[in-house]
Amino acid sequence: MSIRYKKMGMNSSYIRGFFDGEGTIDTKRKLLDITNTNLFILQIQLFLLSHAIGGRIRKHWMSPVSRRPCFRLVITGFHNILGFKRLIGSLDKSKQRKLERLVFSYRYSPLSEHDISKIRELRSTGSTFKGIAQVMHRNKSSVWAAYSRSSKGSA
């Protein structure tokens, strides 16, 4: 973590509290967002980017007569959402469940060769596809499909 973020008091715990208060999880549109009326949200975005978690900032107004804009940090994509879940997470039980559902809702996300070799290794020790999926934060069908494809190639 850079000195700049330490001086501001910016850390995972701080963002977790901020997200619990100002953030939402949309499982249908597969996104997380944090909304605030000042550009402090930019500091959160920079902190997340320093940990390889991408997000976009959108500017909008809460109502047609509002003179003060709101800023919304939107996080999408499997790897960004998984990174957010691992680094920031939530203390709110409802948000924890939604975040878990959101991560597992991705039908397919590419598995690296490293991931596939880890699946093979875990299968050889007797782990179930469900157990492997939980350990790797993937859904069971993605793990099974990757294992099946890799088995055909090695036969």
N, C-alpha and C. Protein backbone atom coordinates (compact mmCIF):
# COMPACT_ATOMS: atom_id res chain seq x y z
N MET A 1 0.85 -1.17 0.00
CA MET A 1 0.00 0.00 0.00
C MET A 1 0.90 1.23 0.00
N SER A 2 0.58 2.22 -0.81
CA SER A 2 1.44 3.38 -0.92
C SER A 2 1.28 4.31 0.28
N ILE A 3 2.28 5.16 0.48
CA ILE A 3 2.25 6.13 1.58
C ILE A 3 1.06 7.07 1.42
N ARG A 4 0.75 7.43 0.19
CA ARG A 4 -0.37 8.33 -0.09
C ARG A 4 -1.67 7.81 0.53
N TYR A 5 -1.94 6.54 0.38
CA TYR A 5 -3.17 5.96 0.92
C TYR A 5 -3.11 5.86 2.44
N LYS A 6 -1.92 5.59 2.99
CA LYS A 6 -1.79 5.51 4.44
C LYS A 6 -2.08 6.86 5.08
N LYS A 7 -1.59 7.95 4.47
CA LYS A 7 -1.84 9.29 5.00
C LYS A 7 -3.32 9.61 5.01
N MET A 8 -4.05 9.15 4.00
CA MET A 8 -5.47 9.43 3.90
C MET A 8 -6.28 8.50 4.81
N GLY A 9 -5.66 7.48 5.36
CA GLY A 9 -6.40 6.51 6.15
C GLY A 9 -7.15 5.52 5.27
N MET A 10 -6.80 5.49 3.99
CA MET A 10 -7.48 4.63 3.03
C MET A 10 -6.93 3.22 3.16
N ASN A 11 -7.79 2.29 3.51
CA ASN A 11 -7.40 0.89 3.56
C ASN A 11 -8.64 0.04 3.31
N SER A 12 -8.46 -1.25 3.27
CA SER A 12 -9.57 -2.16 2.97
C SER A 12 -10.70 -2.03 3.98
N SER A 13 -10.36 -1.90 5.24
CA SER A 13 -11.39 -1.80 6.28
C SER A 13 -12.23 -0.53 6.12
N TYR A 14 -11.57 0.56 5.80
CA TYR A 14 -12.28 1.83 5.60
C TYR A 14 -13.24 1.72 4.42
N ILE A 15 -12.75 1.17 3.31
CA ILE A 15 -13.61 1.03 2.12
C ILE A 15 -14.73 0.04 2.40
N ARG A 16 -14.46 -1.01 3.16
CA ARG A 16 -15.51 -1.98 3.51
C ARG A 16 -16.65 -1.27 4.25
N GLY A 17 -16.32 -0.43 5.22
CA GLY A 17 -17.34 0.31 5.95
C GLY A 17 -18.09 1.27 5.03
N PHE A 18 -17.35 1.92 4.16
CA PHE A 18 -17.97 2.85 3.21
C PHE A 18 -18.91 2.11 2.26
N PHE A 19 -18.45 0.94 1.77
CA PHE A 19 -19.27 0.12 0.87
C PHE A 19 -20.51 -0.39 1.59
N ASP A 20 -20.38 -0.80 2.83
CA ASP A 20 -21.54 -1.28 3.59
C ASP A 20 -22.59 -0.19 3.73
N GLY A 21 -22.15 1.07 3.84
CA GLY A 21 -23.09 2.17 3.98
C GLY A 21 -23.59 2.75 2.67
N GLU A 22 -22.73 2.87 1.68
CA GLU A 22 -23.05 3.58 0.44
C GLU A 22 -23.08 2.70 -0.80
N GLY A 23 -22.81 1.42 -0.66
CA GLY A 23 -22.70 0.55 -1.82
C GLY A 23 -23.91 -0.32 -2.05
N THR A 24 -24.05 -0.76 -3.29
CA THR A 24 -25.11 -1.70 -3.65
C THR A 24 -24.54 -2.81 -4.51
N ILE A 25 -25.24 -3.93 -4.53
CA ILE A 25 -24.87 -5.08 -5.36
C ILE A 25 -26.08 -5.41 -6.21
N ASP A 26 -25.89 -5.40 -7.52
CA ASP A 26 -26.97 -5.73 -8.45
C ASP A 26 -26.62 -7.07 -9.10
N THR A 27 -27.26 -8.14 -8.61
CA THR A 27 -26.93 -9.48 -9.12
C THR A 27 -27.48 -9.70 -10.53
N LYS A 28 -28.56 -9.01 -10.89
CA LYS A 28 -29.11 -9.17 -12.24
C LYS A 28 -28.20 -8.55 -13.30
N ARG A 29 -27.68 -7.35 -13.00
CA ARG A 29 -26.80 -6.67 -13.96
C ARG A 29 -25.33 -6.99 -13.71
N LYS A 30 -25.06 -7.82 -12.69
CA LYS A 30 -23.71 -8.27 -12.36
C LYS A 30 -22.75 -7.10 -12.14
N LEU A 31 -23.09 -6.27 -11.15
CA LEU A 31 -22.22 -5.15 -10.83
C LEU A 31 -22.31 -4.76 -9.37
N LEU A 32 -21.26 -4.09 -8.92
CA LEU A 32 -21.21 -3.47 -7.60
C LEU A 32 -21.13 -1.98 -7.86
N ASP A 33 -21.73 -1.18 -6.99
CA ASP A 33 -21.49 0.25 -7.12
C ASP A 33 -21.47 0.92 -5.77
N ILE A 34 -20.74 2.03 -5.74
CA ILE A 34 -20.64 2.87 -4.56
C ILE A 34 -20.96 4.28 -5.04
N THR A 35 -21.92 4.93 -4.38
CA THR A 35 -22.34 6.27 -4.79
C THR A 35 -22.07 7.26 -3.67
N ASN A 36 -21.59 8.45 -4.07
CA ASN A 36 -21.34 9.51 -3.11
C ASN A 36 -21.41 10.85 -3.82
N THR A 37 -21.58 11.91 -3.06
CA THR A 37 -21.73 13.23 -3.67
C THR A 37 -20.42 13.99 -3.84
N ASN A 38 -19.31 13.41 -3.45
CA ASN A 38 -18.05 14.10 -3.70
C ASN A 38 -17.06 13.17 -4.40
N LEU A 39 -16.00 13.78 -4.86
CA LEU A 39 -15.04 13.01 -5.65
C LEU A 39 -14.12 12.12 -4.80
N PHE A 40 -14.44 11.98 -3.52
CA PHE A 40 -13.72 11.04 -2.67
C PHE A 40 -13.76 9.65 -3.30
N ILE A 41 -14.80 9.41 -4.06
CA ILE A 41 -14.97 8.12 -4.73
C ILE A 41 -13.79 7.84 -5.67
N LEU A 42 -13.17 8.92 -6.18
CA LEU A 42 -11.99 8.77 -7.03
C LEU A 42 -10.83 8.15 -6.25
N GLN A 43 -10.68 8.52 -4.99
CA GLN A 43 -9.62 7.94 -4.16
C GLN A 43 -9.85 6.44 -3.94
N ILE A 44 -11.12 6.08 -3.80
CA ILE A 44 -11.44 4.65 -3.66
C ILE A 44 -11.07 3.92 -4.94
N GLN A 45 -11.42 4.52 -6.09
CA GLN A 45 -11.09 3.91 -7.38
C GLN A 45 -9.58 3.72 -7.51
N LEU A 46 -8.81 4.73 -7.14
CA LEU A 46 -7.35 4.62 -7.25
C LEU A 46 -6.79 3.55 -6.32
N PHE A 47 -7.33 3.46 -5.12
CA PHE A 47 -6.91 2.41 -4.19
C PHE A 47 -7.18 1.04 -4.79
N LEU A 48 -8.40 0.84 -5.32
CA LEU A 48 -8.75 -0.44 -5.92
C LEU A 48 -7.86 -0.75 -7.13
N LEU A 49 -7.60 0.27 -7.96
CA LEU A 49 -6.72 0.07 -9.11
C LEU A 49 -5.32 -0.35 -8.69
N SER A 50 -4.86 0.16 -7.55
CA SER A 50 -3.53 -0.22 -7.07
C SER A 50 -3.50 -1.69 -6.66
N HIS A 51 -4.68 -2.30 -6.53
CA HIS A 51 -4.78 -3.73 -6.22
C HIS A 51 -5.37 -4.51 -7.40
N ALA A 52 -5.25 -3.94 -8.60
CA ALA A 52 -5.68 -4.58 -9.86
C ALA A 52 -7.20 -4.83 -9.91
N ILE A 53 -7.99 -3.95 -9.29
CA ILE A 53 -9.44 -4.04 -9.35
C ILE A 53 -9.95 -2.81 -10.09
N GLY A 54 -10.48 -3.03 -11.28
CA GLY A 54 -10.93 -1.92 -12.12
C GLY A 54 -12.36 -1.51 -11.84
N GLY A 55 -12.65 -0.25 -12.13
CA GLY A 55 -14.01 0.26 -11.99
C GLY A 55 -14.12 1.59 -12.73
N ARG A 56 -15.34 1.94 -13.13
CA ARG A 56 -15.59 3.20 -13.84
C ARG A 56 -16.33 4.16 -12.91
N ILE A 57 -16.06 5.45 -13.08
CA ILE A 57 -16.81 6.46 -12.34
C ILE A 57 -17.78 7.13 -13.29
N ARG A 58 -19.03 7.18 -12.87
CA ARG A 58 -20.10 7.85 -13.63
C ARG A 58 -20.58 9.05 -12.83
N LYS A 59 -20.83 10.13 -13.53
CA LYS A 59 -21.37 11.33 -12.89
C LYS A 59 -22.85 11.43 -13.26
N HIS A 60 -23.70 11.69 -12.27
CA HIS A 60 -25.13 11.84 -12.55
C HIS A 60 -25.76 12.72 -11.48
N TRP A 61 -26.99 13.12 -11.71
CA TRP A 61 -27.72 13.93 -10.75
C TRP A 61 -28.84 13.09 -10.15
N MET A 62 -29.07 13.29 -8.85
CA MET A 62 -30.10 12.52 -8.16
C MET A 62 -31.51 12.90 -8.62
N SER A 63 -31.68 14.16 -9.01
CA SER A 63 -32.99 14.61 -9.50
C SER A 63 -32.76 15.71 -10.53
N PRO A 64 -33.77 16.03 -11.36
CA PRO A 64 -33.60 17.06 -12.39
C PRO A 64 -33.29 18.44 -11.80
N VAL A 65 -33.72 18.71 -10.58
CA VAL A 65 -33.49 20.03 -10.00
C VAL A 65 -32.23 20.08 -9.13
N SER A 66 -31.59 18.95 -8.94
CA SER A 66 -30.39 18.88 -8.11
C SER A 66 -29.26 19.69 -8.74
N ARG A 67 -28.60 20.49 -7.94
CA ARG A 67 -27.46 21.27 -8.42
C ARG A 67 -26.14 20.56 -8.15
N ARG A 68 -26.19 19.56 -7.32
CA ARG A 68 -24.98 18.86 -6.92
C ARG A 68 -24.96 17.46 -7.53
N PRO A 69 -23.92 17.16 -8.29
CA PRO A 69 -23.87 15.84 -8.91
C PRO A 69 -23.49 14.75 -7.91
N CYS A 70 -23.82 13.52 -8.28
CA CYS A 70 -23.38 12.33 -7.55
C CYS A 70 -22.35 11.62 -8.41
N PHE A 71 -21.48 10.90 -7.76
CA PHE A 71 -20.49 10.11 -8.47
C PHE A 71 -20.68 8.67 -8.07
N ARG A 72 -20.65 7.82 -9.08
CA ARG A 72 -20.94 6.41 -8.87
C ARG A 72 -19.77 5.59 -9.41
N LEU A 73 -19.14 4.82 -8.54
CA LEU A 73 -18.08 3.91 -8.94
C LEU A 73 -18.72 2.57 -9.23
N VAL A 74 -18.59 2.11 -10.48
CA VAL A 74 -19.23 0.87 -10.91
C VAL A 74 -18.14 -0.17 -11.18
N ILE A 75 -18.29 -1.33 -10.56
CA ILE A 75 -17.32 -2.42 -10.72
C ILE A 75 -18.04 -3.59 -11.38
N THR A 76 -17.51 -4.03 -12.51
CA THR A 76 -18.09 -5.16 -13.24
C THR A 76 -16.99 -6.13 -13.63
N GLY A 77 -17.38 -7.30 -14.07
CA GLY A 77 -16.43 -8.30 -14.55
C GLY A 77 -16.01 -9.25 -13.45
N PHE A 78 -15.90 -10.50 -13.81
CA PHE A 78 -15.61 -11.56 -12.84
C PHE A 78 -14.38 -11.26 -12.00
N HIS A 79 -13.26 -10.95 -12.64
CA HIS A 79 -12.01 -10.79 -11.91
C HIS A 79 -12.03 -9.56 -11.00
N ASN A 80 -12.67 -8.48 -11.45
CA ASN A 80 -12.79 -7.28 -10.61
C ASN A 80 -13.68 -7.54 -9.40
N ILE A 81 -14.80 -8.20 -9.63
CA ILE A 81 -15.74 -8.48 -8.53
C ILE A 81 -15.12 -9.47 -7.54
N LEU A 82 -14.45 -10.50 -8.05
CA LEU A 82 -13.78 -11.45 -7.17
C LEU A 82 -12.68 -10.76 -6.37
N GLY A 83 -11.91 -9.91 -7.02
CA GLY A 83 -10.86 -9.15 -6.33
C GLY A 83 -11.45 -8.27 -5.23
N PHE A 84 -12.57 -7.61 -5.54
CA PHE A 84 -13.24 -6.77 -4.55
C PHE A 84 -13.71 -7.62 -3.37
N LYS A 85 -14.30 -8.75 -3.67
CA LYS A 85 -14.80 -9.64 -2.61
C LYS A 85 -13.65 -10.09 -1.70
N ARG A 86 -12.52 -10.43 -2.28
CA ARG A 86 -11.38 -10.91 -1.50
C ARG A 86 -10.71 -9.79 -0.70
N LEU A 87 -10.54 -8.62 -1.32
CA LEU A 87 -9.82 -7.52 -0.67
C LEU A 87 -10.70 -6.71 0.28
N ILE A 88 -11.92 -6.41 -0.14
CA ILE A 88 -12.80 -5.53 0.62
C ILE A 88 -13.88 -6.32 1.35
N GLY A 89 -14.70 -7.04 0.60
CA GLY A 89 -15.78 -7.80 1.20
C GLY A 89 -16.82 -6.92 1.85
N SER A 90 -17.54 -7.47 2.81
CA SER A 90 -18.59 -6.74 3.51
C SER A 90 -18.80 -7.36 4.88
N LEU A 91 -19.18 -6.53 5.83
CA LEU A 91 -19.55 -7.04 7.15
C LEU A 91 -21.06 -7.24 7.25
N ASP A 92 -21.78 -6.69 6.28
CA ASP A 92 -23.24 -6.81 6.23
C ASP A 92 -23.60 -8.20 5.68
N LYS A 93 -24.34 -8.99 6.47
CA LYS A 93 -24.66 -10.38 6.08
C LYS A 93 -25.39 -10.45 4.75
N SER A 94 -26.33 -9.54 4.52
CA SER A 94 -27.08 -9.54 3.26
C SER A 94 -26.16 -9.27 2.07
N LYS A 95 -25.25 -8.30 2.24
CA LYS A 95 -24.31 -8.00 1.16
C LYS A 95 -23.32 -9.14 0.96
N GLN A 96 -22.93 -9.81 2.03
CA GLN A 96 -22.03 -10.96 1.90
C GLN A 96 -22.67 -12.04 1.04
N ARG A 97 -23.96 -12.32 1.31
CA ARG A 97 -24.67 -13.35 0.52
C ARG A 97 -24.80 -12.92 -0.94
N LYS A 98 -25.15 -11.66 -1.17
CA LYS A 98 -25.29 -11.17 -2.54
C LYS A 98 -23.95 -11.21 -3.28
N LEU A 99 -22.89 -10.83 -2.60
CA LEU A 99 -21.56 -10.86 -3.20
C LEU A 99 -21.16 -12.28 -3.57
N GLU A 100 -21.45 -13.21 -2.68
CA GLU A 100 -21.17 -14.63 -2.94
C GLU A 100 -21.97 -15.11 -4.16
N ARG A 101 -23.27 -14.78 -4.19
CA ARG A 101 -24.11 -15.17 -5.34
C ARG A 101 -23.61 -14.54 -6.63
N LEU A 102 -23.17 -13.29 -6.55
CA LEU A 102 -22.68 -12.60 -7.74
C LEU A 102 -21.44 -13.29 -8.30
N VAL A 103 -20.51 -13.65 -7.44
CA VAL A 103 -19.30 -14.33 -7.90
C VAL A 103 -19.65 -15.67 -8.55
N PHE A 104 -20.56 -16.42 -7.93
CA PHE A 104 -20.91 -17.74 -8.46
C PHE A 104 -21.87 -17.66 -9.65
N SER A 105 -22.40 -16.48 -9.94
CA SER A 105 -23.36 -16.35 -11.05
C SER A 105 -22.69 -16.37 -12.42
N TYR A 106 -21.39 -16.18 -12.45
CA TYR A 106 -20.71 -16.17 -13.74
C TYR A 106 -20.70 -17.58 -14.30
N ARG A 107 -21.34 -17.75 -15.43
CA ARG A 107 -21.46 -19.07 -16.05
C ARG A 107 -20.11 -19.58 -16.54
N TYR A 108 -19.38 -18.70 -17.17
CA TYR A 108 -18.09 -19.10 -17.70
C TYR A 108 -17.10 -17.97 -17.51
N SER A 109 -15.99 -18.29 -16.99
CA SER A 109 -14.87 -17.36 -16.95
C SER A 109 -13.63 -18.20 -17.25
N PRO A 110 -12.79 -17.70 -18.10
CA PRO A 110 -11.65 -18.50 -18.54
C PRO A 110 -10.78 -18.97 -17.38
N LEU A 111 -10.35 -20.20 -17.48
CA LEU A 111 -9.44 -20.76 -16.49
C LEU A 111 -8.04 -20.83 -17.09
N SER A 112 -7.06 -20.40 -16.34
CA SER A 112 -5.68 -20.44 -16.82
C SER A 112 -5.16 -21.87 -16.75
N GLU A 113 -4.02 -22.11 -17.37
CA GLU A 113 -3.38 -23.42 -17.29
C GLU A 113 -3.06 -23.76 -15.84
N HIS A 114 -2.67 -22.75 -15.08
CA HIS A 114 -2.39 -22.95 -13.65
C HIS A 114 -3.65 -23.44 -12.93
N ASP A 115 -4.81 -22.79 -13.23
CA ASP A 115 -6.08 -23.20 -12.62
C ASP A 115 -6.42 -24.64 -12.98
N ILE A 116 -6.23 -24.99 -14.25
CA ILE A 116 -6.56 -26.34 -14.72
C ILE A 116 -5.66 -27.38 -14.05
N SER A 117 -4.38 -27.06 -13.90
CA SER A 117 -3.49 -28.02 -13.23
C SER A 117 -3.87 -28.15 -11.75
N LYS A 118 -4.34 -27.05 -11.15
CA LYS A 118 -4.80 -27.12 -9.75
C LYS A 118 -6.05 -28.01 -9.65
N ILE A 119 -6.95 -27.91 -10.63
CA ILE A 119 -8.15 -28.75 -10.64
C ILE A 119 -7.74 -30.22 -10.75
N ARG A 120 -6.83 -30.52 -11.66
CA ARG A 120 -6.37 -31.90 -11.82
C ARG A 120 -5.76 -32.43 -10.52
N GLU A 121 -4.94 -31.59 -9.88
CA GLU A 121 -4.30 -31.98 -8.64
C GLU A 121 -5.33 -32.26 -7.54
N LEU A 122 -6.32 -31.37 -7.41
CA LEU A 122 -7.35 -31.55 -6.39
C LEU A 122 -8.22 -32.77 -6.68
N ARG A 123 -8.52 -33.02 -7.97
CA ARG A 123 -9.29 -34.22 -8.32
C ARG A 123 -8.52 -35.48 -7.97
N SER A 124 -7.21 -35.45 -8.18
CA SER A 124 -6.40 -36.64 -7.90
C SER A 124 -6.36 -36.95 -6.39
N THR A 125 -6.64 -35.95 -5.56
CA THR A 125 -6.68 -36.19 -4.11
C THR A 125 -8.09 -36.54 -3.64
N GLY A 126 -9.04 -36.66 -4.59
CA GLY A 126 -10.38 -37.08 -4.23
C GLY A 126 -11.38 -35.95 -4.02
N SER A 127 -10.99 -34.70 -4.27
CA SER A 127 -11.92 -33.58 -4.09
C SER A 127 -13.05 -33.65 -5.11
N THR A 128 -14.23 -33.23 -4.68
CA THR A 128 -15.38 -33.19 -5.59
C THR A 128 -15.33 -31.91 -6.42
N PHE A 129 -16.07 -31.88 -7.53
CA PHE A 129 -16.14 -30.66 -8.35
C PHE A 129 -16.73 -29.51 -7.54
N LYS A 130 -17.71 -29.82 -6.70
CA LYS A 130 -18.32 -28.78 -5.87
C LYS A 130 -17.30 -28.20 -4.90
N GLY A 131 -16.52 -29.06 -4.27
CA GLY A 131 -15.49 -28.61 -3.34
C GLY A 131 -14.42 -27.77 -4.02
N ILE A 132 -14.00 -28.22 -5.21
CA ILE A 132 -12.99 -27.48 -5.96
C ILE A 132 -13.54 -26.10 -6.36
N ALA A 133 -14.79 -26.07 -6.79
CA ALA A 133 -15.42 -24.81 -7.21
C ALA A 133 -15.44 -23.82 -6.05
N GLN A 134 -15.75 -24.29 -4.86
CA GLN A 134 -15.78 -23.40 -3.70
C GLN A 134 -14.39 -22.87 -3.38
N VAL A 135 -13.40 -23.73 -3.43
CA VAL A 135 -12.03 -23.31 -3.14
C VAL A 135 -11.53 -22.28 -4.16
N MET A 136 -11.90 -22.49 -5.43
CA MET A 136 -11.41 -21.63 -6.50
C MET A 136 -12.34 -20.46 -6.83
N HIS A 137 -13.43 -20.34 -6.11
CA HIS A 137 -14.42 -19.27 -6.35
C HIS A 137 -14.92 -19.29 -7.80
N ARG A 138 -15.28 -20.47 -8.25
CA ARG A 138 -15.86 -20.67 -9.58
C ARG A 138 -17.15 -21.45 -9.40
N ASN A 139 -17.92 -21.56 -10.48
CA ASN A 139 -19.08 -22.44 -10.33
C ASN A 139 -18.70 -23.85 -10.76
N LYS A 140 -19.47 -24.80 -10.29
CA LYS A 140 -19.15 -26.22 -10.47
C LYS A 140 -19.07 -26.59 -11.95
N SER A 141 -19.97 -26.06 -12.78
CA SER A 141 -19.97 -26.44 -14.19
C SER A 141 -18.72 -25.94 -14.91
N SER A 142 -18.18 -24.77 -14.53
CA SER A 142 -16.94 -24.28 -15.15
C SER A 142 -15.77 -25.19 -14.80
N VAL A 143 -15.72 -25.61 -13.55
CA VAL A 143 -14.64 -26.50 -13.11
C VAL A 143 -14.74 -27.85 -13.83
N TRP A 144 -15.96 -28.41 -13.88
CA TRP A 144 -16.16 -29.69 -14.54
C TRP A 144 -15.79 -29.60 -16.03
N ALA A 145 -16.25 -28.51 -16.70
CA ALA A 145 -15.96 -28.36 -18.14
C ALA A 145 -14.47 -28.24 -18.40
N ALA A 146 -13.78 -27.46 -17.57
CA ALA A 146 -12.33 -27.30 -17.76
C ALA A 146 -11.62 -28.64 -17.53
N TYR A 147 -12.05 -29.38 -16.52
CA TYR A 147 -11.43 -30.68 -16.21
C TYR A 147 -11.69 -31.66 -17.36
N SER A 148 -12.91 -31.67 -17.87
CA SER A 148 -13.26 -32.59 -18.97
C SER A 148 -12.45 -32.27 -20.23
N ARG A 149 -12.35 -30.99 -20.55
CA ARG A 149 -11.58 -30.60 -21.74
C ARG A 149 -10.10 -30.97 -21.58
N SER A 150 -9.57 -30.75 -20.37
CA SER A 150 -8.14 -31.04 -20.16
C SER A 150 -7.88 -32.55 -20.17
N SER A 151 -8.84 -33.34 -19.72
CA SER A 151 -8.68 -34.80 -19.71
C SER A 151 -8.65 -35.36 -21.11
N LYS A 152 -9.49 -34.76 -22.00
CA LYS A 152 -9.52 -35.23 -23.41
C LYS A 152 -8.19 -34.93 -24.09
N GLY A 153 -7.61 -33.76 -23.78
CA GLY A 153 -6.35 -33.38 -24.39
C GLY A 153 -5.17 -34.20 -23.91
N SER A 154 -5.25 -34.73 -22.68
CA SER A 154 -4.12 -35.48 -22.14
C SER A 154 -4.22 -36.98 -22.40
N ALA A 155 -5.34 -37.42 -22.97
CA ALA A 155 -5.54 -38.85 -23.20
C ALA A 155 -4.88 -39.31 -24.48
